[in-house]
């Protein structure tokens, strides 16, 4: 079995990378208003949530392996609640973005409409919707790892570490 701290580090970094990519994609998508009535609004919401995910995951990553501290960001409860909330938010964002994709990917409207609108927006909204679902899955896996981890008596997510015999 692998070290739980290493597994948390891997999944925290994956979430950080995907959230950063999601922020870039969402920012790019807001420049293209396609055929879906609410698609660009959901892209703005996705941009805000991805920035929040990126910032909070960076902070949690910085504090997740400090067993001797009792700081708020080292608490197991904060890590668990954060990733459960991320799971729910990204699942909802993924669903609403992908429900807008059929309107963006309608080839009949694309051929009849303004050149360049439908094709580009179709790929972008599908990519951000899929990225949202990937972030939901990664957040759920991280929440499971945090839930299964052994917390210290103070509630630290890094748990207890063996002290040397001399102390």
N, C-alpha and C. Protein backbone atom coordinates (compact mmCIF):
# COMPACT_ATOMS: atom_id res chain seq x y z
N UNK A 1 0.84 -1.18 0.00
CA UNK A 1 0.00 0.00 0.00
C UNK A 1 0.89 1.24 0.00
N UNK A 2 0.51 2.23 -0.73
CA UNK A 2 1.28 3.47 -0.83
C UNK A 2 1.05 4.35 0.39
N UNK A 3 1.93 5.28 0.54
CA UNK A 3 1.82 6.26 1.62
C UNK A 3 0.63 7.18 1.34
N UNK A 4 -0.31 7.34 2.31
CA UNK A 4 -1.48 8.19 2.05
C UNK A 4 -1.13 9.65 1.77
N UNK A 5 -0.04 10.12 2.36
CA UNK A 5 0.37 11.50 2.11
C UNK A 5 0.80 11.68 0.65
N UNK A 6 1.49 10.68 0.11
CA UNK A 6 1.90 10.76 -1.30
C UNK A 6 0.68 10.71 -2.22
N UNK A 7 -0.29 9.86 -1.89
CA UNK A 7 -1.50 9.79 -2.70
C UNK A 7 -2.27 11.10 -2.65
N UNK A 8 -2.38 11.69 -1.47
CA UNK A 8 -3.04 13.00 -1.36
C UNK A 8 -2.29 14.04 -2.19
N UNK A 9 -0.97 14.02 -2.11
CA UNK A 9 -0.17 14.98 -2.87
C UNK A 9 -0.42 14.83 -4.37
N UNK A 10 -0.48 13.60 -4.84
CA UNK A 10 -0.72 13.35 -6.26
C UNK A 10 -2.08 13.90 -6.68
N UNK A 11 -3.12 13.57 -5.92
CA UNK A 11 -4.45 14.01 -6.31
C UNK A 11 -4.65 15.50 -6.10
N UNK A 12 -4.04 16.09 -5.09
CA UNK A 12 -4.12 17.54 -4.91
C UNK A 12 -3.47 18.23 -6.11
N UNK A 13 -2.33 17.71 -6.56
CA UNK A 13 -1.65 18.30 -7.72
C UNK A 13 -2.45 18.11 -9.00
N UNK A 14 -3.09 16.96 -9.16
CA UNK A 14 -3.95 16.76 -10.33
C UNK A 14 -5.11 17.75 -10.33
N UNK A 15 -5.73 17.93 -9.18
CA UNK A 15 -6.83 18.91 -9.08
C UNK A 15 -6.32 20.30 -9.39
N UNK A 16 -5.15 20.63 -8.86
CA UNK A 16 -4.57 21.95 -9.11
C UNK A 16 -4.31 22.17 -10.60
N UNK A 17 -3.75 21.18 -11.27
CA UNK A 17 -3.48 21.30 -12.70
C UNK A 17 -4.75 21.39 -13.53
N UNK A 18 -5.71 20.52 -13.24
CA UNK A 18 -6.96 20.55 -14.00
C UNK A 18 -7.75 21.83 -13.72
N UNK A 19 -7.72 22.33 -12.49
CA UNK A 19 -8.43 23.58 -12.18
C UNK A 19 -7.79 24.76 -12.90
N UNK A 20 -6.47 24.75 -13.01
CA UNK A 20 -5.78 25.81 -13.74
C UNK A 20 -6.12 25.74 -15.23
N UNK A 21 -6.11 24.54 -15.79
CA UNK A 21 -6.49 24.37 -17.20
C UNK A 21 -7.95 24.74 -17.42
N UNK A 22 -8.80 24.39 -16.47
CA UNK A 22 -10.22 24.73 -16.57
C UNK A 22 -10.41 26.25 -16.53
N UNK A 23 -9.63 26.94 -15.72
CA UNK A 23 -9.72 28.40 -15.66
C UNK A 23 -9.32 29.02 -17.00
N UNK A 24 -8.27 28.50 -17.61
CA UNK A 24 -7.83 29.02 -18.91
C UNK A 24 -8.88 28.74 -19.98
N UNK A 25 -9.39 27.50 -20.02
CA UNK A 25 -10.42 27.15 -21.00
C UNK A 25 -11.69 27.97 -20.80
N UNK A 26 -12.10 28.13 -19.56
CA UNK A 26 -13.32 28.90 -19.29
C UNK A 26 -13.15 30.36 -19.67
N UNK A 27 -11.98 30.92 -19.40
CA UNK A 27 -11.73 32.31 -19.79
C UNK A 27 -11.76 32.45 -21.30
N UNK A 28 -11.21 31.48 -22.01
CA UNK A 28 -11.22 31.51 -23.47
C UNK A 28 -12.64 31.35 -24.00
N UNK A 29 -13.44 30.51 -23.34
CA UNK A 29 -14.82 30.27 -23.79
C UNK A 29 -15.70 31.50 -23.64
N UNK A 30 -15.42 32.34 -22.68
CA UNK A 30 -16.27 33.51 -22.47
C UNK A 30 -16.17 34.49 -23.64
N UNK A 31 -15.14 34.36 -24.46
CA UNK A 31 -14.99 35.25 -25.61
C UNK A 31 -15.90 34.86 -26.77
N UNK A 32 -16.42 33.63 -26.76
CA UNK A 32 -17.24 33.13 -27.85
C UNK A 32 -18.66 32.91 -27.38
N UNK A 33 -19.56 33.71 -27.88
CA UNK A 33 -20.97 33.51 -27.58
C UNK A 33 -21.53 32.66 -28.71
N UNK A 34 -21.97 31.47 -28.36
CA UNK A 34 -22.48 30.54 -29.36
C UNK A 34 -23.99 30.59 -29.43
N UNK A 35 -24.58 29.48 -29.82
CA UNK A 35 -26.03 29.39 -29.99
C UNK A 35 -26.77 29.13 -28.68
N UNK A 36 -26.11 28.53 -27.70
CA UNK A 36 -26.77 28.22 -26.43
C UNK A 36 -27.04 29.53 -25.68
N UNK A 37 -28.25 29.64 -25.16
CA UNK A 37 -28.63 30.88 -24.49
C UNK A 37 -27.84 31.12 -23.20
N UNK A 38 -27.57 30.07 -22.45
CA UNK A 38 -26.94 30.23 -21.15
C UNK A 38 -25.51 29.71 -21.10
N UNK A 39 -24.97 29.25 -22.21
CA UNK A 39 -23.64 28.66 -22.22
C UNK A 39 -22.56 29.59 -21.72
N UNK A 40 -22.55 30.84 -22.18
CA UNK A 40 -21.49 31.75 -21.78
C UNK A 40 -21.63 32.16 -20.32
N UNK A 41 -22.85 32.19 -19.78
CA UNK A 41 -23.04 32.50 -18.35
C UNK A 41 -22.44 31.38 -17.50
N UNK A 42 -22.69 30.14 -17.91
CA UNK A 42 -22.13 29.01 -17.16
C UNK A 42 -20.61 28.98 -17.27
N UNK A 43 -20.06 29.49 -18.37
CA UNK A 43 -18.61 29.56 -18.50
C UNK A 43 -18.03 30.57 -17.51
N UNK A 44 -18.71 31.69 -17.30
CA UNK A 44 -18.26 32.64 -16.28
C UNK A 44 -18.31 32.02 -14.89
N UNK A 45 -19.37 31.27 -14.61
CA UNK A 45 -19.48 30.58 -13.31
C UNK A 45 -18.36 29.55 -13.18
N UNK A 46 -18.09 28.82 -14.25
CA UNK A 46 -17.01 27.83 -14.24
C UNK A 46 -15.66 28.50 -14.01
N UNK A 47 -15.47 29.67 -14.60
CA UNK A 47 -14.23 30.42 -14.40
C UNK A 47 -14.05 30.80 -12.94
N UNK A 48 -15.11 31.29 -12.31
CA UNK A 48 -15.03 31.67 -10.90
C UNK A 48 -14.76 30.48 -9.99
N UNK A 49 -15.46 29.38 -10.24
CA UNK A 49 -15.27 28.19 -9.40
C UNK A 49 -13.89 27.58 -9.62
N UNK A 50 -13.40 27.61 -10.85
CA UNK A 50 -12.07 27.06 -11.09
C UNK A 50 -10.99 27.90 -10.43
N UNK A 51 -11.16 29.22 -10.43
CA UNK A 51 -10.20 30.07 -9.72
C UNK A 51 -10.24 29.79 -8.22
N UNK A 52 -11.44 29.64 -7.67
CA UNK A 52 -11.59 29.32 -6.25
C UNK A 52 -10.97 27.95 -5.94
N UNK A 53 -11.19 26.97 -6.79
CA UNK A 53 -10.62 25.63 -6.61
C UNK A 53 -9.11 25.69 -6.67
N UNK A 54 -8.61 26.44 -7.62
CA UNK A 54 -7.16 26.56 -7.80
C UNK A 54 -6.52 27.17 -6.56
N UNK A 55 -7.09 28.25 -6.06
CA UNK A 55 -6.51 28.95 -4.90
C UNK A 55 -6.61 28.08 -3.64
N UNK A 56 -7.79 27.53 -3.36
CA UNK A 56 -7.96 26.76 -2.13
C UNK A 56 -7.15 25.46 -2.16
N UNK A 57 -7.07 24.81 -3.30
CA UNK A 57 -6.26 23.60 -3.40
C UNK A 57 -4.78 23.91 -3.21
N UNK A 58 -4.33 25.05 -3.70
CA UNK A 58 -2.94 25.46 -3.47
C UNK A 58 -2.66 25.62 -1.99
N UNK A 59 -3.58 26.25 -1.28
CA UNK A 59 -3.41 26.45 0.16
C UNK A 59 -3.44 25.11 0.89
N UNK A 60 -4.40 24.26 0.54
CA UNK A 60 -4.50 22.95 1.19
C UNK A 60 -3.27 22.09 0.90
N UNK A 61 -2.74 22.20 -0.30
CA UNK A 61 -1.54 21.45 -0.66
C UNK A 61 -0.34 21.93 0.15
N UNK A 62 -0.28 23.22 0.41
CA UNK A 62 0.83 23.76 1.20
C UNK A 62 0.79 23.29 2.65
N UNK A 63 -0.40 23.02 3.17
CA UNK A 63 -0.54 22.67 4.58
C UNK A 63 -0.85 21.20 4.84
N UNK A 64 -0.97 20.36 3.83
CA UNK A 64 -1.47 19.00 4.06
C UNK A 64 -0.44 18.05 4.67
N UNK A 65 0.82 18.42 4.70
CA UNK A 65 1.85 17.52 5.23
C UNK A 65 2.65 18.19 6.34
N UNK A 66 1.95 18.77 7.30
CA UNK A 66 2.60 19.42 8.43
C UNK A 66 1.99 18.88 9.73
N UNK A 67 2.44 17.71 10.16
CA UNK A 67 1.80 17.04 11.30
C UNK A 67 1.98 17.74 12.64
N UNK A 68 2.96 18.62 12.76
CA UNK A 68 3.20 19.25 14.06
C UNK A 68 2.43 20.55 14.24
N UNK A 69 1.71 21.01 13.23
CA UNK A 69 0.99 22.28 13.33
C UNK A 69 -0.48 22.06 13.63
N UNK A 70 -1.10 23.08 14.22
CA UNK A 70 -2.55 23.04 14.51
C UNK A 70 -3.27 24.16 13.78
N UNK A 71 -2.71 24.61 12.69
CA UNK A 71 -3.31 25.68 11.88
C UNK A 71 -4.63 25.20 11.29
N UNK A 72 -5.53 26.13 10.99
CA UNK A 72 -6.83 25.80 10.42
C UNK A 72 -6.70 24.99 9.13
N UNK A 73 -5.74 25.34 8.29
CA UNK A 73 -5.59 24.67 7.00
C UNK A 73 -4.97 23.28 7.12
N UNK A 74 -4.54 22.88 8.31
CA UNK A 74 -4.04 21.51 8.49
C UNK A 74 -5.12 20.57 9.00
N UNK A 75 -6.31 21.08 9.27
CA UNK A 75 -7.38 20.26 9.84
C UNK A 75 -8.00 19.33 8.79
N UNK A 76 -8.21 18.09 9.21
CA UNK A 76 -8.79 17.08 8.33
C UNK A 76 -10.20 17.47 7.90
N UNK A 77 -10.96 18.07 8.81
CA UNK A 77 -12.35 18.45 8.50
C UNK A 77 -12.39 19.47 7.36
N UNK A 78 -11.49 20.44 7.38
CA UNK A 78 -11.47 21.45 6.31
C UNK A 78 -11.14 20.81 4.96
N UNK A 79 -10.17 19.91 4.95
CA UNK A 79 -9.81 19.22 3.70
C UNK A 79 -10.99 18.40 3.19
N UNK A 80 -11.64 17.67 4.08
CA UNK A 80 -12.75 16.81 3.68
C UNK A 80 -13.92 17.63 3.15
N UNK A 81 -14.31 18.66 3.89
CA UNK A 81 -15.44 19.50 3.46
C UNK A 81 -15.12 20.20 2.15
N UNK A 82 -13.89 20.67 1.99
CA UNK A 82 -13.51 21.36 0.75
C UNK A 82 -13.67 20.45 -0.46
N UNK A 83 -13.20 19.22 -0.36
CA UNK A 83 -13.27 18.34 -1.52
C UNK A 83 -14.67 17.79 -1.76
N UNK A 84 -15.46 17.66 -0.71
CA UNK A 84 -16.87 17.27 -0.92
C UNK A 84 -17.61 18.40 -1.63
N UNK A 85 -17.36 19.64 -1.21
CA UNK A 85 -17.99 20.80 -1.87
C UNK A 85 -17.51 20.91 -3.31
N UNK A 86 -16.20 20.72 -3.55
CA UNK A 86 -15.68 20.74 -4.92
C UNK A 86 -16.34 19.67 -5.78
N UNK A 87 -16.54 18.49 -5.21
CA UNK A 87 -17.18 17.40 -5.96
C UNK A 87 -18.58 17.80 -6.40
N UNK A 88 -19.35 18.35 -5.48
CA UNK A 88 -20.72 18.75 -5.80
C UNK A 88 -20.74 19.89 -6.81
N UNK A 89 -19.92 20.92 -6.58
CA UNK A 89 -19.89 22.07 -7.50
C UNK A 89 -19.48 21.65 -8.91
N UNK A 90 -18.41 20.86 -9.02
CA UNK A 90 -17.93 20.48 -10.35
C UNK A 90 -18.89 19.53 -11.05
N UNK A 91 -19.58 18.70 -10.29
CA UNK A 91 -20.58 17.83 -10.90
C UNK A 91 -21.73 18.65 -11.47
N UNK A 92 -22.18 19.63 -10.71
CA UNK A 92 -23.27 20.51 -11.18
C UNK A 92 -22.82 21.31 -12.40
N UNK A 93 -21.64 21.91 -12.34
CA UNK A 93 -21.13 22.71 -13.47
C UNK A 93 -20.96 21.83 -14.70
N UNK A 94 -20.44 20.63 -14.53
CA UNK A 94 -20.28 19.72 -15.67
C UNK A 94 -21.60 19.37 -16.31
N UNK A 95 -22.61 19.12 -15.48
CA UNK A 95 -23.93 18.78 -16.02
C UNK A 95 -24.53 19.96 -16.76
N UNK A 96 -24.48 21.16 -16.18
CA UNK A 96 -25.12 22.30 -16.86
C UNK A 96 -24.36 22.69 -18.12
N UNK A 97 -23.04 22.55 -18.13
CA UNK A 97 -22.30 22.86 -19.35
C UNK A 97 -22.60 21.84 -20.45
N UNK A 98 -22.66 20.58 -20.08
CA UNK A 98 -22.92 19.55 -21.10
C UNK A 98 -24.37 19.55 -21.57
N UNK A 99 -25.30 20.10 -20.77
CA UNK A 99 -26.68 20.23 -21.26
C UNK A 99 -26.79 21.36 -22.28
N UNK A 100 -25.85 22.29 -22.28
CA UNK A 100 -25.83 23.36 -23.27
C UNK A 100 -25.14 22.93 -24.57
N UNK A 101 -24.39 21.84 -24.51
CA UNK A 101 -23.62 21.39 -25.69
C UNK A 101 -24.49 21.04 -26.89
N UNK A 102 -25.66 20.38 -26.74
CA UNK A 102 -26.45 20.08 -27.95
C UNK A 102 -26.86 21.33 -28.73
N UNK A 103 -27.14 22.42 -28.04
CA UNK A 103 -27.48 23.65 -28.76
C UNK A 103 -26.27 24.21 -29.50
N UNK A 104 -25.09 24.07 -28.91
CA UNK A 104 -23.86 24.56 -29.55
C UNK A 104 -23.43 23.66 -30.71
N UNK A 105 -23.72 22.38 -30.60
CA UNK A 105 -23.22 21.41 -31.58
C UNK A 105 -24.25 21.06 -32.64
N UNK A 106 -25.30 21.83 -32.77
CA UNK A 106 -26.31 21.58 -33.79
C UNK A 106 -25.74 21.95 -35.15
N UNK A 107 -25.48 20.95 -35.98
CA UNK A 107 -24.83 21.20 -37.26
C UNK A 107 -25.74 21.93 -38.23
N UNK A 108 -27.07 21.73 -38.12
CA UNK A 108 -27.98 22.45 -39.00
C UNK A 108 -27.91 23.95 -38.71
N UNK A 109 -27.91 24.30 -37.44
CA UNK A 109 -27.81 25.72 -37.08
C UNK A 109 -26.44 26.27 -37.43
N UNK A 110 -25.40 25.43 -37.28
CA UNK A 110 -24.05 25.88 -37.58
C UNK A 110 -23.91 26.21 -39.06
N UNK A 111 -24.45 25.37 -39.93
CA UNK A 111 -24.33 25.61 -41.36
C UNK A 111 -25.16 26.80 -41.80
N UNK A 112 -26.28 27.04 -41.12
CA UNK A 112 -27.12 28.17 -41.50
C UNK A 112 -26.69 29.46 -40.82
N UNK A 113 -25.96 29.36 -39.74
CA UNK A 113 -25.61 30.52 -38.93
C UNK A 113 -24.35 31.20 -39.42
N UNK A 114 -23.87 32.06 -38.59
CA UNK A 114 -22.66 32.82 -38.89
C UNK A 114 -21.47 31.86 -38.86
N UNK A 115 -20.60 31.96 -39.83
CA UNK A 115 -19.45 31.06 -39.93
C UNK A 115 -18.54 31.24 -38.72
N UNK A 116 -18.15 30.11 -38.14
CA UNK A 116 -17.21 30.13 -37.03
C UNK A 116 -17.84 30.13 -35.65
N UNK A 117 -19.15 30.38 -35.56
CA UNK A 117 -19.76 30.43 -34.23
C UNK A 117 -19.94 29.06 -33.63
N UNK A 118 -20.63 28.20 -34.33
CA UNK A 118 -21.03 26.92 -33.76
C UNK A 118 -19.90 25.94 -33.54
N UNK A 119 -19.01 25.78 -34.50
CA UNK A 119 -17.97 24.77 -34.38
C UNK A 119 -17.02 25.02 -33.24
N UNK A 120 -16.56 26.23 -33.10
CA UNK A 120 -15.61 26.56 -32.05
C UNK A 120 -16.27 26.47 -30.68
N UNK A 121 -17.46 27.02 -30.55
CA UNK A 121 -18.16 26.99 -29.27
C UNK A 121 -18.54 25.58 -28.88
N UNK A 122 -18.83 24.73 -29.85
CA UNK A 122 -19.19 23.33 -29.59
C UNK A 122 -18.03 22.61 -28.91
N UNK A 123 -16.87 22.73 -29.46
CA UNK A 123 -15.71 22.06 -28.88
C UNK A 123 -15.33 22.61 -27.52
N UNK A 124 -15.45 23.92 -27.37
CA UNK A 124 -15.06 24.54 -26.10
C UNK A 124 -16.01 24.18 -24.97
N UNK A 125 -17.31 24.24 -25.22
CA UNK A 125 -18.25 23.94 -24.14
C UNK A 125 -18.21 22.46 -23.80
N UNK A 126 -17.96 21.61 -24.78
CA UNK A 126 -17.83 20.18 -24.50
C UNK A 126 -16.56 19.90 -23.70
N UNK A 127 -15.48 20.59 -24.02
CA UNK A 127 -14.23 20.40 -23.29
C UNK A 127 -14.33 20.87 -21.85
N UNK A 128 -14.94 22.03 -21.64
CA UNK A 128 -15.06 22.51 -20.27
C UNK A 128 -16.04 21.67 -19.46
N UNK A 129 -17.08 21.18 -20.09
CA UNK A 129 -18.01 20.29 -19.39
C UNK A 129 -17.35 18.99 -18.98
N UNK A 130 -16.56 18.43 -19.88
CA UNK A 130 -15.84 17.19 -19.57
C UNK A 130 -14.78 17.44 -18.51
N UNK A 131 -14.08 18.57 -18.60
CA UNK A 131 -13.10 18.92 -17.58
C UNK A 131 -13.73 19.09 -16.21
N UNK A 132 -14.95 19.62 -16.18
CA UNK A 132 -15.67 19.76 -14.92
C UNK A 132 -15.97 18.40 -14.30
N UNK A 133 -16.37 17.45 -15.13
CA UNK A 133 -16.64 16.11 -14.61
C UNK A 133 -15.37 15.41 -14.14
N UNK A 134 -14.26 15.64 -14.83
CA UNK A 134 -12.98 15.09 -14.39
C UNK A 134 -12.60 15.68 -13.04
N UNK A 135 -12.79 16.99 -12.87
CA UNK A 135 -12.50 17.62 -11.58
C UNK A 135 -13.41 17.08 -10.48
N UNK A 136 -14.66 16.79 -10.80
CA UNK A 136 -15.57 16.21 -9.81
C UNK A 136 -15.08 14.83 -9.38
N UNK A 137 -14.62 14.03 -10.33
CA UNK A 137 -14.11 12.69 -10.00
C UNK A 137 -12.84 12.79 -9.16
N UNK A 138 -11.91 13.65 -9.56
CA UNK A 138 -10.67 13.82 -8.79
C UNK A 138 -10.95 14.34 -7.39
N UNK A 139 -11.90 15.26 -7.26
CA UNK A 139 -12.26 15.78 -5.94
C UNK A 139 -12.89 14.70 -5.08
N UNK A 140 -13.72 13.86 -5.67
CA UNK A 140 -14.33 12.77 -4.91
C UNK A 140 -13.28 11.78 -4.44
N UNK A 141 -12.33 11.46 -5.29
CA UNK A 141 -11.25 10.54 -4.89
C UNK A 141 -10.42 11.16 -3.77
N UNK A 142 -10.12 12.45 -3.88
CA UNK A 142 -9.37 13.12 -2.81
C UNK A 142 -10.15 13.14 -1.51
N UNK A 143 -11.46 13.35 -1.60
CA UNK A 143 -12.28 13.33 -0.39
C UNK A 143 -12.25 11.95 0.27
N UNK A 144 -12.26 10.90 -0.53
CA UNK A 144 -12.18 9.54 0.02
C UNK A 144 -10.83 9.32 0.70
N UNK A 145 -9.75 9.77 0.06
CA UNK A 145 -8.42 9.62 0.67
C UNK A 145 -8.31 10.40 1.97
N UNK A 146 -8.87 11.59 2.00
CA UNK A 146 -8.83 12.38 3.24
C UNK A 146 -9.69 11.71 4.31
N UNK A 147 -10.84 11.20 3.92
CA UNK A 147 -11.73 10.54 4.88
C UNK A 147 -11.07 9.29 5.47
N UNK A 148 -10.37 8.55 4.65
CA UNK A 148 -9.73 7.31 5.10
C UNK A 148 -8.43 7.57 5.86
N UNK A 149 -7.88 8.78 5.80
CA UNK A 149 -6.60 9.05 6.45
C UNK A 149 -6.78 9.11 7.97
N UNK A 150 -5.70 8.83 8.66
CA UNK A 150 -5.71 8.85 10.12
C UNK A 150 -5.33 10.25 10.59
N UNK A 151 -6.24 10.91 11.27
CA UNK A 151 -5.96 12.25 11.78
C UNK A 151 -5.28 12.15 13.14
N UNK A 152 -4.56 13.19 13.49
CA UNK A 152 -3.95 13.24 14.81
C UNK A 152 -5.02 13.59 15.85
N UNK A 153 -4.64 13.62 17.10
CA UNK A 153 -5.58 13.96 18.17
C UNK A 153 -6.12 15.38 18.01
N UNK A 154 -5.30 16.26 17.45
CA UNK A 154 -5.71 17.65 17.23
C UNK A 154 -6.54 17.81 15.96
N UNK A 155 -6.68 16.75 15.18
CA UNK A 155 -7.45 16.81 13.95
C UNK A 155 -6.63 17.12 12.72
N UNK A 156 -5.31 17.03 12.82
CA UNK A 156 -4.43 17.33 11.70
C UNK A 156 -4.55 16.25 10.63
N UNK A 157 -4.66 16.68 9.38
CA UNK A 157 -4.84 15.75 8.27
C UNK A 157 -3.61 14.88 8.04
N UNK A 158 -2.43 15.36 8.42
CA UNK A 158 -1.21 14.59 8.22
C UNK A 158 -1.08 13.45 9.22
N UNK A 159 -1.89 13.45 10.26
CA UNK A 159 -1.87 12.37 11.24
C UNK A 159 -0.68 12.47 12.16
N UNK A 160 -0.46 11.40 12.86
CA UNK A 160 0.65 11.37 13.81
C UNK A 160 1.86 10.75 13.16
N UNK A 161 3.00 11.22 13.55
CA UNK A 161 4.24 10.62 13.08
C UNK A 161 5.00 10.11 14.30
N UNK A 162 5.74 9.05 14.10
CA UNK A 162 6.51 8.47 15.19
C UNK A 162 7.61 9.44 15.59
N UNK A 163 7.73 9.67 16.90
CA UNK A 163 8.82 10.49 17.41
C UNK A 163 10.05 9.61 17.60
N UNK A 164 11.22 10.18 17.44
CA UNK A 164 12.44 9.39 17.68
C UNK A 164 12.49 8.93 19.13
N UNK A 165 13.22 7.84 19.39
CA UNK A 165 13.30 7.26 20.73
C UNK A 165 13.95 8.21 21.73
N UNK A 166 14.78 9.12 21.30
CA UNK A 166 15.49 10.03 22.20
C UNK A 166 14.60 11.09 22.80
N UNK A 167 13.41 11.33 22.28
CA UNK A 167 12.55 12.40 22.79
C UNK A 167 11.58 11.89 23.82
